[in-house]
Amino acid sequence: MHLAVAAGTMTFQPDGTITRSFNLSFGGSIFPIGDPGTYSLDSNGDCGFTANFPESGEVWNLTTVQEGKQIDFFINTSGRVGAGTLTRQ
């Protein structure tokens, strides 16, 4: 198993678009990541939403916590597993 660490920004727009720009550290190398995507609210009313990044083929499941100041996420893509926290700046 390899550990990956990332730091950067994600920007959510009211029209359902999202952009991300971050550096990923994996296996001793740094990889810049930057791509657009879309997000939509989940229909179950639990403050969750799903983000899709077509360029990388990633799907993220996200939940707002701490009155919207933080987002917990889980990457739900075959062959990739990740979880973490996004903090509003």
Protein backbone atom coordinates (compact mmCIF):
# COMPACT_ATOMS: atom_id res chain seq x y z
CA MET A 1 0.00 0.00 0.00
CA HIS A 2 1.21 3.51 -0.83
CA LEU A 3 0.36 6.66 1.07
CA ALA A 4 -0.63 9.78 -0.84
CA VAL A 5 -0.84 13.28 0.64
CA ALA A 6 -2.42 16.30 -1.04
CA ALA A 7 -2.65 20.04 -0.36
CA GLY A 8 -4.37 22.70 -2.45
CA THR A 9 -7.74 24.24 -3.17
CA MET A 10 -11.20 23.28 -4.40
CA THR A 11 -13.62 25.97 -5.53
CA PHE A 12 -17.37 25.32 -5.66
CA GLN A 13 -19.55 27.57 -7.83
CA PRO A 14 -23.34 28.01 -7.39
CA ASP A 15 -23.94 26.67 -10.93
CA GLY A 16 -22.78 23.17 -9.92
CA THR A 17 -19.23 23.41 -11.24
CA ILE A 18 -16.09 22.75 -9.22
CA THR A 19 -12.40 23.27 -9.89
CA ARG A 20 -9.50 21.77 -7.99
CA SER A 21 -5.83 22.62 -7.93
CA PHE A 22 -3.46 20.77 -5.62
CA ASN A 23 -0.13 19.01 -5.32
CA LEU A 24 -0.17 15.27 -4.68
CA SER A 25 2.80 13.63 -2.99
CA PHE A 26 3.02 9.94 -3.86
CA GLY A 27 5.97 7.57 -3.71
CA GLY A 28 8.41 10.40 -3.08
CA SER A 29 7.31 12.43 -6.13
CA ILE A 30 5.10 15.53 -6.39
CA PHE A 31 2.35 15.64 -9.01
CA PRO A 32 0.37 18.83 -9.75
CA ILE A 33 -3.34 18.16 -10.25
CA GLY A 34 -5.82 20.64 -11.67
CA ASP A 35 -9.09 19.86 -13.35
CA PRO A 36 -12.74 20.93 -13.49
CA GLY A 37 -15.76 18.91 -12.53
CA THR A 38 -19.37 19.10 -11.50
CA TYR A 39 -21.21 18.48 -8.24
CA SER A 40 -24.79 17.78 -7.24
CA LEU A 41 -26.65 17.48 -3.96
CA ASP A 42 -27.69 14.02 -2.85
CA SER A 43 -31.44 13.49 -2.74
CA ASN A 44 -31.51 11.95 0.77
CA GLY A 45 -31.31 15.31 2.59
CA ASP A 46 -28.22 14.47 4.68
CA CYS A 47 -26.12 17.50 3.57
CA GLY A 48 -24.16 15.23 1.25
CA PHE A 49 -23.23 15.74 -2.35
CA THR A 50 -21.28 14.03 -5.11
CA ALA A 51 -18.50 15.52 -7.23
CA ASN A 52 -17.45 14.09 -10.59
CA PHE A 53 -14.08 14.82 -12.22
CA PRO A 54 -14.31 13.43 -15.78
CA GLU A 55 -10.66 14.07 -16.75
CA SER A 56 -9.41 11.78 -13.98
CA GLY A 57 -12.49 9.56 -13.83
CA GLU A 58 -12.85 10.22 -10.10
CA VAL A 59 -16.07 10.35 -8.10
CA TRP A 60 -16.02 11.98 -4.66
CA ASN A 61 -18.70 11.64 -1.97
CA LEU A 62 -18.74 14.72 0.28
CA THR A 63 -20.61 15.78 3.43
CA THR A 64 -20.66 19.26 4.96
CA VAL A 65 -20.00 19.43 8.70
CA GLN A 66 -19.37 22.11 11.32
CA GLU A 67 -22.05 24.43 9.90
CA GLY A 68 -20.48 24.32 6.43
CA LYS A 69 -16.97 25.24 7.56
CA GLN A 70 -15.65 21.78 6.76
CA ILE A 71 -16.29 19.02 4.21
CA ASP A 72 -15.47 15.39 4.85
CA PHE A 73 -14.86 13.36 1.70
CA PHE A 74 -14.42 9.84 0.43
CA ILE A 75 -13.07 9.06 -3.03
CA ASN A 76 -15.30 6.40 -4.51
CA THR A 77 -13.46 5.34 -7.67
CA SER A 78 -12.45 1.83 -8.68
CA GLY A 79 -8.76 1.32 -7.92
CA ARG A 80 -8.52 4.47 -5.79
CA VAL A 81 -9.47 4.84 -2.17
CA GLY A 82 -9.10 8.04 -0.22
CA ALA A 83 -10.69 10.01 2.55
CA GLY A 84 -9.99 13.33 4.16
CA THR A 85 -11.19 16.75 5.19
CA LEU A 86 -11.50 20.02 3.31
CA THR A 87 -11.44 23.18 5.46
CA ARG A 88 -13.01 26.47 4.36
CA GLN A 89 -10.46 29.28 4.13
